[in-house]
Amino acid sequence: MQAQPSQPSTDERRHKRNQRALLALALYEFPAHLQFKNLGWQIATGEALERAISELVTVGLIFREGDMLLPTLAARHFDWLELP
């Protein structure tokens, strides 16, 4: 008998939403780069934004140098595949 998966917490759902929004915006704006200082009003602010960026950088979907953010080649290729 399989256990039912637990429901994600409100914080986890918010964190996933922030990551999705950030990656979607970076892919949409490419080849232009995003600037960290301009994302607060678009995605999230403070620690929530830093956490989303950090997670996407860690898994290799966003490249960050200083204030500049770009989707990585892997992220762009995955987007190009247009998976359902």
C-alpha atoms as a PDB file:
ATOM      1  CA  MET A   1       0.000   0.000   0.000  1.00  0.00           C
ATOM      2  CA  GLN A   2       1.408   3.377  -1.030  1.00  0.00           C
ATOM      3  CA  ALA A   3       1.260   6.348   1.263  1.00  0.00           C
ATOM      4  CA  GLN A   4      -0.428   9.456  -0.041  1.00  0.00           C
ATOM      5  CA  PRO A   5       2.094  12.193  -0.884  1.00  0.00           C
ATOM      6  CA  SER A   6       1.964  15.049   1.581  1.00  0.00           C
ATOM      7  CA  GLN A   7       0.657  18.369   0.398  1.00  0.00           C
ATOM      8  CA  PRO A   8       3.305  21.061  -0.052  1.00  0.00           C
ATOM      9  CA  SER A   9       3.265  23.848   2.505  1.00  0.00           C
ATOM     10  CA  THR A  10       2.170  27.341   1.595  1.00  0.00           C
ATOM     11  CA  ASP A  11       5.815  28.416   1.721  1.00  0.00           C
ATOM     12  CA  GLU A  12       6.856  25.647  -0.707  1.00  0.00           C
ATOM     13  CA  ARG A  13       4.071  26.569  -3.131  1.00  0.00           C
ATOM     14  CA  ARG A  14       5.091  30.242  -2.981  1.00  0.00           C
ATOM     15  CA  HIS A  15       8.742  29.325  -3.508  1.00  0.00           C
ATOM     16  CA  LYS A  16       7.921  27.199  -6.570  1.00  0.00           C
ATOM     17  CA  ARG A  17       5.718  29.980  -7.942  1.00  0.00           C
ATOM     18  CA  ASN A  18       8.554  32.501  -7.538  1.00  0.00           C
ATOM     19  CA  GLN A  19      11.010  30.197  -9.312  1.00  0.00           C
ATOM     20  CA  ARG A  20       8.590  29.549 -12.185  1.00  0.00           C
ATOM     21  CA  ALA A  21       7.891  33.260 -12.591  1.00  0.00           C
ATOM     22  CA  LEU A  22      11.567  34.175 -12.528  1.00  0.00           C
ATOM     23  CA  LEU A  23      12.575  31.514 -15.042  1.00  0.00           C
ATOM     24  CA  ALA A  24       9.630  32.312 -17.328  1.00  0.00           C
ATOM     25  CA  LEU A  25      10.520  36.006 -17.285  1.00  0.00           C
ATOM     26  CA  ALA A  26      14.203  35.301 -17.959  1.00  0.00           C
ATOM     27  CA  LEU A  27      13.301  33.068 -20.916  1.00  0.00           C
ATOM     28  CA  TYR A  28      10.799  35.593 -22.260  1.00  0.00           C
ATOM     29  CA  GLU A  29      13.247  38.494 -22.051  1.00  0.00           C
ATOM     30  CA  PHE A  30      16.217  36.567 -23.498  1.00  0.00           C
ATOM     31  CA  PRO A  31      18.561  37.675 -25.077  1.00  0.00           C
ATOM     32  CA  ALA A  32      18.120  40.758 -22.896  1.00  0.00           C
ATOM     33  CA  HIS A  33      19.324  40.198 -19.362  1.00  0.00           C
ATOM     34  CA  LEU A  34      17.279  40.744 -16.231  1.00  0.00           C
ATOM     35  CA  GLN A  35      18.543  43.059 -13.551  1.00  0.00           C
ATOM     36  CA  PHE A  36      18.111  41.976  -9.952  1.00  0.00           C
ATOM     37  CA  LYS A  37      17.241  45.501  -8.824  1.00  0.00           C
ATOM     38  CA  ASN A  38      14.234  45.562 -11.184  1.00  0.00           C
ATOM     39  CA  LEU A  39      12.721  42.216 -10.185  1.00  0.00           C
ATOM     40  CA  GLY A  40      11.264  43.170  -6.810  1.00  0.00           C
ATOM     41  CA  TRP A  41       8.030  44.530  -8.194  1.00  0.00           C
ATOM     42  CA  GLN A  42       7.709  41.722 -10.784  1.00  0.00           C
ATOM     43  CA  ILE A  43       8.429  38.520  -8.845  1.00  0.00           C
ATOM     44  CA  ALA A  44       9.072  38.845  -5.137  1.00  0.00           C
ATOM     45  CA  THR A  45      11.198  40.897  -2.784  1.00  0.00           C
ATOM     46  CA  GLY A  46      13.998  40.393  -0.326  1.00  0.00           C
ATOM     47  CA  GLU A  47      14.794  36.912   0.868  1.00  0.00           C
ATOM     48  CA  ALA A  48      12.070  35.269  -1.247  1.00  0.00           C
ATOM     49  CA  LEU A  49      13.629  36.631  -4.433  1.00  0.00           C
ATOM     50  CA  GLU A  50      17.159  35.738  -3.324  1.00  0.00           C
ATOM     51  CA  ARG A  51      16.002  32.211  -2.492  1.00  0.00           C
ATOM     52  CA  ALA A  52      14.387  31.732  -5.919  1.00  0.00           C
ATOM     53  CA  ILE A  53      17.486  33.015  -7.705  1.00  0.00           C
ATOM     54  CA  SER A  54      19.800  30.910  -5.557  1.00  0.00           C
ATOM     55  CA  GLU A  55      17.842  27.725  -6.221  1.00  0.00           C
ATOM     56  CA  LEU A  56      17.728  28.327  -9.989  1.00  0.00           C
ATOM     57  CA  VAL A  57      21.463  29.084 -10.047  1.00  0.00           C
ATOM     58  CA  THR A  58      22.187  25.936  -8.012  1.00  0.00           C
ATOM     59  CA  VAL A  59      20.307  23.664 -10.416  1.00  0.00           C
ATOM     60  CA  GLY A  60      21.824  25.346 -13.473  1.00  0.00           C
ATOM     61  CA  LEU A  61      18.810  27.142 -14.930  1.00  0.00           C
ATOM     62  CA  ILE A  62      19.866  30.740 -14.268  1.00  0.00           C
ATOM     63  CA  PHE A  63      23.274  32.358 -14.636  1.00  0.00           C
ATOM     64  CA  ARG A  64      23.980  35.274 -12.320  1.00  0.00           C
ATOM     65  CA  GLU A  65      26.842  37.714 -12.395  1.00  0.00           C
ATOM     66  CA  GLY A  66      26.410  40.651 -10.071  1.00  0.00           C
ATOM     67  CA  ASP A  67      23.073  42.272 -10.870  1.00  0.00           C
ATOM     68  CA  MET A  68      22.656  40.458 -14.204  1.00  0.00           C
ATOM     69  CA  LEU A  69      20.535  37.309 -14.645  1.00  0.00           C
ATOM     70  CA  LEU A  70      20.236  35.173 -17.776  1.00  0.00           C
ATOM     71  CA  PRO A  71      18.690  31.778 -18.472  1.00  0.00           C
ATOM     72  CA  THR A  72      21.346  29.121 -19.051  1.00  0.00           C
ATOM     73  CA  LEU A  73      21.715  27.195 -22.284  1.00  0.00           C
ATOM     74  CA  ALA A  74      20.070  24.198 -20.588  1.00  0.00           C
ATOM     75  CA  ALA A  75      17.034  26.295 -19.605  1.00  0.00           C
ATOM     76  CA  ARG A  76      16.758  27.779 -23.097  1.00  0.00           C
ATOM     77  CA  HIS A  77      17.013  24.348 -24.709  1.00  0.00           C
ATOM     78  CA  PHE A  78      14.351  22.893 -22.414  1.00  0.00           C
ATOM     79  CA  ASP A  79      12.092  25.833 -23.288  1.00  0.00           C
ATOM     80  CA  TRP A  80      12.823  25.297 -26.992  1.00  0.00           C
ATOM     81  CA  LEU A  81      11.592  21.684 -26.719  1.00  0.00           C
ATOM     82  CA  GLU A  82       8.094  23.021 -25.926  1.00  0.00           C
ATOM     83  CA  LEU A  83       7.153  20.092 -23.720  1.00  0.00           C
ATOM     84  CA  PRO A  84       3.468  19.975 -22.719  1.00  0.00           C
END
